[in-house]
Amino acid sequence: MSLNLVLIGEREAGKSAVGNAILGTSAFDQVGTKTRASVQREGTVRGRHVVVVDTPGWEWFNLGGSLASPRNVRKEMLASMKLCQPGAHALLLVVPLSFSFSGRERRVVEEHVELFGPDAWNHTLVLFTVKDTKLLRCSRLQEEVEDNGELKQLVEKCGGRYHALYRQTSSGEPDLVAELLAKIEEMVVTANEKAMLLSERVLELAKQREKEEESREEEERKEREEEVKRWRAAQTKTWDRGEKLSWNKGLTHQGSPTAEQTFICCKTQ
């Protein structure tokens, strides 16, 4: 059976290391090297043809303080679907198990998974990267998930699917990789006719969303321009009123206006 896998996750989550572990080779750049564009590698793993696509990672916090990644990062993430035609059997959501996973982190993850469309969760498996081999034991890993409400909620959105790989190994743990592929195959069989997240559908939705974003940005730009025009008009009106009051004040200090001054003042008003 051939499998198409897409790795997604934050920067420095260990996606490239996971890709190397799955393929059993140094197929992707090592940890610490920033992935700027989606990259595809493939190989034969446990008798299966496996295609793995690594994607750029997102930041937990961008400069604007919002959850959204820069548009170029989002576009490159979605470009991964062009590299695994006709689609992906699984989105492997790589999450380090070495840091506190808060509600904000969960929302960031959800936002990026949903870039792949409403069906994305049916094809997503949480893949934890761990530094302590003790956490690879099923009971310990389950405890970690159960003890963190936000993490548990994320796993539940993925249909309870999760797995773990030891982040520090370059060639991967044979048994763990085999178990991972078995879980993915189970996902495919369970999904039946929707066994694959279709690239065409994901890219179509992405294109539609981009048009909507551009339209919204254009409307916001026009609103800002109108606001600036209204502000300038108000400032001009205030300035004109101030000039008139200043002129009238000057007349009061100088005494009664002449007939010519009275005519001009009335005309101005």
C-alpha atoms as a PDB file:
ATOM      1  CA  MET A   1       0.000   0.000   0.000  1.00  0.00           C
ATOM      2  CA  SER A   2       1.302   3.466  -0.916  1.00  0.00           C
ATOM      3  CA  LEU A   3       0.934   6.258   1.646  1.00  0.00           C
ATOM      4  CA  ASN A   4       1.085  10.038   1.174  1.00  0.00           C
ATOM      5  CA  LEU A   5       1.916  11.874   4.413  1.00  0.00           C
ATOM      6  CA  VAL A   6       2.082  15.634   5.084  1.00  0.00           C
ATOM      7  CA  LEU A   7       3.948  16.930   8.150  1.00  0.00           C
ATOM      8  CA  ILE A   8       2.564  20.103   9.732  1.00  0.00           C
ATOM      9  CA  GLY A   9       3.412  21.892  12.972  1.00  0.00           C
ATOM     10  CA  GLU A  10       5.109  24.870  14.580  1.00  0.00           C
ATOM     11  CA  ARG A  11       8.684  25.865  13.836  1.00  0.00           C
ATOM     12  CA  GLU A  12      11.259  23.622  15.518  1.00  0.00           C
ATOM     13  CA  ALA A  13       8.630  21.025  16.411  1.00  0.00           C
ATOM     14  CA  GLY A  14      10.845  18.372  14.848  1.00  0.00           C
ATOM     15  CA  LYS A  15       8.980  17.839  11.561  1.00  0.00           C
ATOM     16  CA  SER A  16      12.138  17.277   9.510  1.00  0.00           C
ATOM     17  CA  ALA A  17      13.483  14.838  12.111  1.00  0.00           C
ATOM     18  CA  VAL A  18      10.167  12.985  12.012  1.00  0.00           C
ATOM     19  CA  GLY A  19      10.359  12.783   8.220  1.00  0.00           C
ATOM     20  CA  ASN A  20      13.863  11.346   8.472  1.00  0.00           C
ATOM     21  CA  ALA A  21      12.709   8.847  11.100  1.00  0.00           C
ATOM     22  CA  ILE A  22       9.830   7.641   8.946  1.00  0.00           C
ATOM     23  CA  LEU A  23      11.927   7.252   5.792  1.00  0.00           C
ATOM     24  CA  GLY A  24      14.938   5.917   7.693  1.00  0.00           C
ATOM     25  CA  THR A  25      17.325   8.297   5.922  1.00  0.00           C
ATOM     26  CA  SER A  26      18.556  11.886   6.204  1.00  0.00           C
ATOM     27  CA  ALA A  27      16.033  12.923   3.584  1.00  0.00           C
ATOM     28  CA  PHE A  28      15.251  16.328   5.078  1.00  0.00           C
ATOM     29  CA  ASP A  29      17.362  19.119   6.555  1.00  0.00           C
ATOM     30  CA  GLN A  30      18.363  18.532  10.142  1.00  0.00           C
ATOM     31  CA  VAL A  31      16.819  20.184  13.181  1.00  0.00           C
ATOM     32  CA  GLY A  32      17.634  23.893  13.420  1.00  0.00           C
ATOM     33  CA  THR A  33      17.384  24.524   9.688  1.00  0.00           C
ATOM     34  CA  LYS A  34      14.295  26.534   8.825  1.00  0.00           C
ATOM     35  CA  THR A  35      12.058  24.950   6.187  1.00  0.00           C
ATOM     36  CA  ARG A  36      10.981  27.802   3.918  1.00  0.00           C
ATOM     37  CA  ALA A  37       9.078  25.805   1.291  1.00  0.00           C
ATOM     38  CA  SER A  38       7.277  22.483   1.177  1.00  0.00           C
ATOM     39  CA  VAL A  39       9.638  19.636   0.289  1.00  0.00           C
ATOM     40  CA  GLN A  40       8.758  16.123  -0.869  1.00  0.00           C
ATOM     41  CA  ARG A  41      10.784  12.988  -0.294  1.00  0.00           C
ATOM     42  CA  GLU A  42       9.846   9.340  -0.790  1.00  0.00           C
ATOM     43  CA  GLY A  43      11.101   5.864  -0.116  1.00  0.00           C
ATOM     44  CA  THR A  44      10.199   2.286   0.687  1.00  0.00           C
ATOM     45  CA  VAL A  45       9.356   1.779   4.357  1.00  0.00           C
ATOM     46  CA  ARG A  46       8.467  -1.635   5.760  1.00  0.00           C
ATOM     47  CA  GLY A  47       7.526  -2.804   2.286  1.00  0.00           C
ATOM     48  CA  ARG A  48       5.352   0.239   1.554  1.00  0.00           C
ATOM     49  CA  HIS A  49       5.949   3.118  -0.830  1.00  0.00           C
ATOM     50  CA  VAL A  50       5.780   6.215   1.367  1.00  0.00           C
ATOM     51  CA  VAL A  51       5.725   9.860   0.250  1.00  0.00           C
ATOM     52  CA  VAL A  52       6.500  12.413   2.980  1.00  0.00           C
ATOM     53  CA  VAL A  53       6.037  16.165   2.511  1.00  0.00           C
ATOM     54  CA  ASP A  54       7.665  18.543   5.012  1.00  0.00           C
ATOM     55  CA  THR A  55       6.126  22.019   5.341  1.00  0.00           C
ATOM     56  CA  PRO A  56       7.194  25.399   6.785  1.00  0.00           C
ATOM     57  CA  GLY A  57       6.297  25.746  10.458  1.00  0.00           C
ATOM     58  CA  TRP A  58       4.243  28.502  11.994  1.00  0.00           C
ATOM     59  CA  GLU A  59       5.144  30.785  14.884  1.00  0.00           C
ATOM     60  CA  TRP A  60       3.102  30.732  18.084  1.00  0.00           C
ATOM     61  CA  PHE A  61       3.209  34.542  18.083  1.00  0.00           C
ATOM     62  CA  ASN A  62       3.680  36.722  15.033  1.00  0.00           C
ATOM     63  CA  LEU A  63       4.688  40.378  15.074  1.00  0.00           C
ATOM     64  CA  GLY A  64       1.085  41.532  14.950  1.00  0.00           C
ATOM     65  CA  GLY A  65       0.167  39.486  17.989  1.00  0.00           C
ATOM     66  CA  SER A  66      -2.576  37.580  16.141  1.00  0.00           C
ATOM     67  CA  LEU A  67      -2.933  33.846  15.631  1.00  0.00           C
ATOM     68  CA  ALA A  68      -2.593  33.928  11.859  1.00  0.00           C
ATOM     69  CA  SER A  69       0.710  33.108  10.190  1.00  0.00           C
ATOM     70  CA  PRO A  70       2.073  35.349   7.448  1.00  0.00           C
ATOM     71  CA  ARG A  71       0.286  34.660   4.175  1.00  0.00           C
ATOM     72  CA  ASN A  72       3.409  33.227   2.532  1.00  0.00           C
ATOM     73  CA  VAL A  73       3.726  30.568   5.266  1.00  0.00           C
ATOM     74  CA  ARG A  74       0.095  29.561   4.883  1.00  0.00           C
ATOM     75  CA  LYS A  75       0.426  29.385   1.102  1.00  0.00           C
ATOM     76  CA  GLU A  76       3.529  27.217   1.361  1.00  0.00           C
ATOM     77  CA  MET A  77       1.795  24.891   3.791  1.00  0.00           C
ATOM     78  CA  LEU A  78      -1.056  24.408   1.342  1.00  0.00           C
ATOM     79  CA  ALA A  79       1.404  24.010  -1.539  1.00  0.00           C
ATOM     80  CA  SER A  80       2.283  20.685   0.086  1.00  0.00           C
ATOM     81  CA  MET A  81      -0.900  19.274  -1.431  1.00  0.00           C
ATOM     82  CA  LYS A  82       0.535  19.785  -4.915  1.00  0.00           C
ATOM     83  CA  LEU A  83       3.403  17.484  -3.968  1.00  0.00           C
ATOM     84  CA  CYS A  84       1.280  14.495  -2.958  1.00  0.00           C
ATOM     85  CA  GLN A  85      -1.235  13.985  -5.741  1.00  0.00           C
ATOM     86  CA  PRO A  86      -4.009  13.013  -5.761  1.00  0.00           C
ATOM     87  CA  GLY A  87      -4.056  13.759  -2.035  1.00  0.00           C
ATOM     88  CA  ALA A  88      -2.826  13.009   1.481  1.00  0.00           C
ATOM     89  CA  HIS A  89      -3.737   9.902   3.423  1.00  0.00           C
ATOM     90  CA  ALA A  90      -2.758  11.657   6.642  1.00  0.00           C
ATOM     91  CA  LEU A  91      -1.805  15.046   8.039  1.00  0.00           C
ATOM     92  CA  LEU A  92       0.737  14.306  10.751  1.00  0.00           C
ATOM     93  CA  LEU A  93       0.407  17.126  13.275  1.00  0.00           C
ATOM     94  CA  VAL A  94       3.821  17.246  14.943  1.00  0.00           C
ATOM     95  CA  VAL A  95       3.655  18.510  18.545  1.00  0.00           C
ATOM     96  CA  PRO A  96       6.629  18.588  20.964  1.00  0.00           C
ATOM     97  CA  LEU A  97       5.701  17.018  24.275  1.00  0.00           C
ATOM     98  CA  SER A  98       8.371  19.048  26.063  1.00  0.00           C
ATOM     99  CA  PHE A  99       6.473  22.290  26.635  1.00  0.00           C
ATOM    100  CA  SER A 100       3.279  23.485  28.293  1.00  0.00           C
ATOM    101  CA  PHE A 101       0.399  23.255  25.838  1.00  0.00           C
ATOM    102  CA  SER A 102      -2.066  26.070  26.566  1.00  0.00           C
ATOM    103  CA  GLY A 103      -5.401  27.128  25.130  1.00  0.00           C
ATOM    104  CA  ARG A 104      -3.663  29.621  22.881  1.00  0.00           C
ATOM    105  CA  GLU A 105      -1.396  26.940  21.429  1.00  0.00           C
ATOM    106  CA  ARG A 106      -4.417  24.741  20.795  1.00  0.00           C
ATOM    107  CA  ARG A 107      -6.239  27.533  18.957  1.00  0.00           C
ATOM    108  CA  VAL A 108      -3.167  28.216  16.818  1.00  0.00           C
ATOM    109  CA  VAL A 109      -2.956  24.532  15.902  1.00  0.00           C
ATOM    110  CA  GLU A 110      -6.666  24.349  15.076  1.00  0.00           C
ATOM    111  CA  GLU A 111      -6.444  27.419  12.858  1.00  0.00           C
ATOM    112  CA  HIS A 112      -3.650  25.907  10.793  1.00  0.00           C
ATOM    113  CA  VAL A 113      -5.185  22.444  10.491  1.00  0.00           C
ATOM    114  CA  GLU A 114      -8.408  24.031   9.256  1.00  0.00           C
ATOM    115  CA  LEU A 115      -6.516  25.724   6.428  1.00  0.00           C
ATOM    116  CA  PHE A 116      -6.769  22.306   4.780  1.00  0.00           C
ATOM    117  CA  GLY A 117     -10.567  22.416   4.806  1.00  0.00           C
ATOM    118  CA  PRO A 118     -13.452  21.068   6.901  1.00  0.00           C
ATOM    119  CA  ASP A 119     -12.476  17.418   6.287  1.00  0.00           C
ATOM    120  CA  ALA A 120      -8.915  17.885   7.552  1.00  0.00           C
ATOM    121  CA  TRP A 121      -9.608  16.638  11.082  1.00  0.00           C
ATOM    122  CA  ASN A 122     -10.790  13.282   9.724  1.00  0.00           C
ATOM    123  CA  HIS A 123      -7.311  12.768   8.272  1.00  0.00           C
ATOM    124  CA  THR A 124      -5.178  14.211  11.083  1.00  0.00           C
ATOM    125  CA  LEU A 125      -3.107  12.277  13.606  1.00  0.00           C
ATOM    126  CA  VAL A 126      -1.229  14.006  16.436  1.00  0.00           C
ATOM    127  CA  LEU A 127       2.404  12.902  16.349  1.00  0.00           C
ATOM    128  CA  PHE A 128       4.248  13.787  19.541  1.00  0.00           C
ATOM    129  CA  THR A 129       8.001  14.266  19.481  1.00  0.00           C
ATOM    130  CA  VAL A 130       9.605  13.331  22.792  1.00  0.00           C
ATOM    131  CA  LYS A 131      13.075  13.612  24.311  1.00  0.00           C
ATOM    132  CA  ASP A 132      12.516  11.169  27.166  1.00  0.00           C
ATOM    133  CA  THR A 133      12.205   7.566  25.944  1.00  0.00           C
ATOM    134  CA  LYS A 134      10.147   6.740  29.050  1.00  0.00           C
ATOM    135  CA  LEU A 135       7.308   8.789  27.550  1.00  0.00           C
ATOM    136  CA  LEU A 136       7.179   6.358  24.635  1.00  0.00           C
ATOM    137  CA  ARG A 137       5.520   3.821  26.894  1.00  0.00           C
ATOM    138  CA  CYS A 138       1.830   3.754  26.102  1.00  0.00           C
ATOM    139  CA  SER A 139       0.687   4.333  29.696  1.00  0.00           C
ATOM    140  CA  ARG A 140       3.020   7.302  30.281  1.00  0.00           C
ATOM    141  CA  LEU A 141       2.032   8.936  27.004  1.00  0.00           C
ATOM    142  CA  GLN A 142      -1.650   8.471  27.747  1.00  0.00           C
ATOM    143  CA  GLU A 143      -1.165  10.068  31.164  1.00  0.00           C
ATOM    144  CA  GLU A 144       0.503  13.104  29.572  1.00  0.00           C
ATOM    145  CA  VAL A 145      -2.458  13.565  27.242  1.00  0.00           C
ATOM    146  CA  GLU A 146      -5.082  12.985  29.935  1.00  0.00           C
ATOM    147  CA  ASP A 147      -3.421  15.392  32.385  1.00  0.00           C
ATOM    148  CA  ASN A 148      -3.454  18.312  29.928  1.00  0.00           C
ATOM    149  CA  GLY A 149      -7.019  19.369  29.119  1.00  0.00           C
ATOM    150  CA  GLU A 150      -6.022  21.400  26.055  1.00  0.00           C
ATOM    151  CA  LEU A 151      -3.925  18.558  24.670  1.00  0.00           C
ATOM    152  CA  LYS A 152      -6.724  16.098  25.323  1.00  0.00           C
ATOM    153  CA  GLN A 153      -9.178  18.352  23.489  1.00  0.00           C
ATOM    154  CA  LEU A 154      -6.852  18.516  20.483  1.00  0.00           C
ATOM    155  CA  VAL A 155      -6.454  14.736  20.359  1.00  0.00           C
ATOM    156  CA  GLU A 156     -10.235  14.319  20.581  1.00  0.00           C
ATOM    157  CA  LYS A 157     -10.668  16.579  17.530  1.00  0.00           C
ATOM    158  CA  CYS A 158      -8.425  14.118  15.710  1.00  0.00           C
ATOM    159  CA  GLY A 159     -10.701  11.228  16.617  1.00  0.00           C
ATOM    160  CA  GLY A 160      -8.446  10.161  19.491  1.00  0.00           C
ATOM    161  CA  ARG A 161      -5.562   9.390  17.116  1.00  0.00           C
ATOM    162  CA  TYR A 162      -2.038  10.040  18.387  1.00  0.00           C
ATOM    163  CA  HIS A 163       1.406   8.486  18.347  1.00  0.00           C
ATOM    164  CA  ALA A 164       4.932   9.361  19.493  1.00  0.00           C
ATOM    165  CA  LEU A 165       8.436   9.184  18.047  1.00  0.00           C
ATOM    166  CA  TYR A 166      11.756   9.719  19.779  1.00  0.00           C
ATOM    167  CA  ARG A 167      12.957  13.090  18.474  1.00  0.00           C
ATOM    168  CA  GLN A 168      16.679  12.562  18.967  1.00  0.00           C
ATOM    169  CA  THR A 169      17.107   9.548  16.703  1.00  0.00           C
ATOM    170  CA  SER A 170      18.022  10.132  13.063  1.00  0.00           C
ATOM    171  CA  SER A 171      17.139   6.721  11.695  1.00  0.00           C
ATOM    172  CA  GLY A 172      13.954   6.295  13.684  1.00  0.00           C
ATOM    173  CA  GLU A 173      12.694   3.601  15.995  1.00  0.00           C
ATOM    174  CA  PRO A 174      11.715   0.670  13.709  1.00  0.00           C
ATOM    175  CA  ASP A 175       8.872  -0.569  15.901  1.00  0.00           C
ATOM    176  CA  LEU A 176       7.466   2.932  16.443  1.00  0.00           C
ATOM    177  CA  VAL A 177       7.557   3.741  12.735  1.00  0.00           C
ATOM    178  CA  ALA A 178       5.844   0.447  11.922  1.00  0.00           C
ATOM    179  CA  GLU A 179       3.184   1.199  14.541  1.00  0.00           C
ATOM    180  CA  LEU A 180       2.677   4.676  13.085  1.00  0.00           C
ATOM    181  CA  LEU A 181       2.183   3.345   9.553  1.00  0.00           C
ATOM    182  CA  ALA A 182      -0.230   0.724  10.882  1.00  0.00           C
ATOM    183  CA  LYS A 183      -2.306   3.452  12.570  1.00  0.00           C
ATOM    184  CA  ILE A 184      -2.369   5.472   9.349  1.00  0.00           C
ATOM    185  CA  GLU A 185      -3.482   2.438   7.350  1.00  0.00           C
ATOM    186  CA  GLU A 186      -6.232   1.876   9.910  1.00  0.00           C
ATOM    187  CA  MET A 187      -7.326   5.500   9.361  1.00  0.00           C
ATOM    188  CA  VAL A 188      -7.475   4.895   5.618  1.00  0.00           C
ATOM    189  CA  VAL A 189      -9.515   1.705   5.961  1.00  0.00           C
ATOM    190  CA  THR A 190     -11.913   3.281   8.468  1.00  0.00           C
ATOM    191  CA  ALA A 191     -12.440   6.333   6.250  1.00  0.00           C
ATOM    192  CA  ASN A 192     -13.515   4.016   3.400  1.00  0.00           C
ATOM    193  CA  GLU A 193     -14.576   6.159   0.398  1.00  0.00           C
ATOM    194  CA  LYS A 194     -13.045   9.276   2.024  1.00  0.00           C
ATOM    195  CA  ALA A 195      -9.692   7.591   2.517  1.00  0.00           C
ATOM    196  CA  MET A 196      -7.757  10.579   1.205  1.00  0.00           C
ATOM    197  CA  LEU A 197      -7.736  14.341   1.727  1.00  0.00           C
ATOM    198  CA  LEU A 198      -7.970  15.333  -1.928  1.00  0.00           C
ATOM    199  CA  SER A 199      -5.446  17.908  -3.130  1.00  0.00           C
ATOM    200  CA  GLU A 200      -7.816  19.368  -5.709  1.00  0.00           C
ATOM    201  CA  ARG A 201     -10.472  20.071  -3.091  1.00  0.00           C
ATOM    202  CA  VAL A 202      -8.015  21.597  -0.594  1.00  0.00           C
ATOM    203  CA  LEU A 203      -6.441  23.865  -3.220  1.00  0.00           C
ATOM    204  CA  GLU A 204      -9.848  24.907  -4.530  1.00  0.00           C
ATOM    205  CA  LEU A 205     -10.972  25.934  -1.044  1.00  0.00           C
ATOM    206  CA  ALA A 206      -7.668  27.739  -0.478  1.00  0.00           C
ATOM    207  CA  LYS A 207      -8.090  29.714  -3.697  1.00  0.00           C
ATOM    208  CA  GLN A 208     -11.629  30.671  -2.735  1.00  0.00           C
ATOM    209  CA  ARG A 209     -10.491  31.723   0.747  1.00  0.00           C
ATOM    210  CA  GLU A 210      -7.684  33.831  -0.728  1.00  0.00           C
ATOM    211  CA  LYS A 211     -10.148  35.668  -2.975  1.00  0.00           C
ATOM    212  CA  GLU A 212     -12.380  36.352   0.019  1.00  0.00           C
ATOM    213  CA  GLU A 213      -9.406  37.662   2.007  1.00  0.00           C
ATOM    214  CA  GLU A 214      -8.359  39.940  -0.850  1.00  0.00           C
ATOM    215  CA  SER A 215     -11.922  41.230  -1.196  1.00  0.00           C
ATOM    216  CA  ARG A 216     -12.135  41.869   2.553  1.00  0.00           C
ATOM    217  CA  GLU A 217      -8.776  43.642   2.554  1.00  0.00           C
ATOM    218  CA  GLU A 218      -9.907  45.826  -0.360  1.00  0.00           C
ATOM    219  CA  GLU A 219     -13.080  46.787   1.522  1.00  0.00           C
ATOM    220  CA  GLU A 220     -11.052  47.589   4.634  1.00  0.00           C
ATOM    221  CA  ARG A 221      -8.668  49.708   2.554  1.00  0.00           C
ATOM    222  CA  LYS A 222     -11.589  51.691   1.108  1.00  0.00           C
ATOM    223  CA  GLU A 223     -13.075  52.160   4.576  1.00  0.00           C
ATOM    224  CA  ARG A 224      -9.746  53.495   5.841  1.00  0.00           C
ATOM    225  CA  GLU A 225      -9.539  55.912   2.916  1.00  0.00           C
ATOM    226  CA  GLU A 226     -13.085  57.146   3.606  1.00  0.00           C
ATOM    227  CA  GLU A 227     -12.232  57.560   7.274  1.00  0.00           C
ATOM    228  CA  VAL A 228      -9.174  59.633   6.366  1.00  0.00           C
ATOM    229  CA  LYS A 229     -11.296  61.806   4.038  1.00  0.00           C
ATOM    230  CA  ARG A 230     -13.871  62.390   6.785  1.00  0.00           C
ATOM    231  CA  TRP A 231     -11.137  63.230   9.266  1.00  0.00           C
ATOM    232  CA  ARG A 232      -9.513  65.711   6.875  1.00  0.00           C
ATOM    233  CA  ALA A 233     -12.869  67.330   6.120  1.00  0.00           C
ATOM    234  CA  ALA A 234     -13.564  67.691   9.842  1.00  0.00           C
ATOM    235  CA  GLN A 235     -10.107  69.155  10.433  1.00  0.00           C
ATOM    236  CA  THR A 236     -10.572  71.639   7.580  1.00  0.00           C
ATOM    237  CA  LYS A 237     -13.965  72.682   8.938  1.00  0.00           C
ATOM    238  CA  THR A 238     -12.505  73.136  12.420  1.00  0.00           C
ATOM    239  CA  TRP A 239      -9.623  75.178  11.000  1.00  0.00           C
ATOM    240  CA  ASP A 240     -11.991  77.426   9.007  1.00  0.00           C
ATOM    241  CA  ARG A 241     -14.179  77.976  12.086  1.00  0.00           C
ATOM    242  CA  GLY A 242     -11.113  78.821  14.140  1.00  0.00           C
ATOM    243  CA  GLU A 243      -9.911  81.346  11.565  1.00  0.00           C
ATOM    244  CA  LYS A 244     -13.314  83.030  11.482  1.00  0.00           C
ATOM    245  CA  LEU A 245     -13.525  83.228  15.291  1.00  0.00           C
ATOM    246  CA  SER A 246     -10.015  84.628  15.443  1.00  0.00           C
ATOM    247  CA  TRP A 247     -10.892  87.294  12.855  1.00  0.00           C
ATOM    248  CA  ASN A 248     -14.085  88.280  14.704  1.00  0.00           C
ATOM    249  CA  LYS A 249     -12.143  88.443  17.981  1.00  0.00           C
ATOM    250  CA  GLY A 250      -9.716  90.813  16.345  1.00  0.00           C
ATOM    251  CA  LEU A 251     -12.579  93.077  15.298  1.00  0.00           C
ATOM    252  CA  THR A 252     -13.876  93.187  18.873  1.00  0.00           C
ATOM    253  CA  HIS A 253     -10.518  94.449  20.113  1.00  0.00           C
ATOM    254  CA  GLN A 254     -10.264  97.031  17.319  1.00  0.00           C
ATOM    255  CA  GLY A 255     -13.709  98.530  17.880  1.00  0.00           C
ATOM    256  CA  SER A 256     -16.826  98.665  15.650  1.00  0.00           C
ATOM    257  CA  PRO A 257     -16.311  97.363  12.112  1.00  0.00           C
ATOM    258  CA  THR A 258     -16.575  99.630   9.130  1.00  0.00           C
ATOM    259  CA  ALA A 259     -19.417  99.245   6.656  1.00  0.00           C
ATOM    260  CA  GLU A 260     -17.037  97.373   4.325  1.00  0.00           C
ATOM    261  CA  GLN A 261     -15.952  94.956   7.106  1.00  0.00           C
ATOM    262  CA  THR A 262     -19.595  94.323   8.089  1.00  0.00           C
ATOM    263  CA  PHE A 263     -20.454  93.487   4.470  1.00  0.00           C
ATOM    264  CA  ILE A 264     -17.527  91.058   4.168  1.00  0.00           C
ATOM    265  CA  CYS A 265     -18.354  89.386   7.505  1.00  0.00           C
ATOM    266  CA  CYS A 266     -22.004  88.901   6.554  1.00  0.00           C
ATOM    267  CA  LYS A 267     -20.993  87.512   3.169  1.00  0.00           C
ATOM    268  CA  THR A 268     -18.603  85.049   4.822  1.00  0.00           C
ATOM    269  CA  GLN A 269     -21.293  83.823   7.195  1.00  0.00           C
END
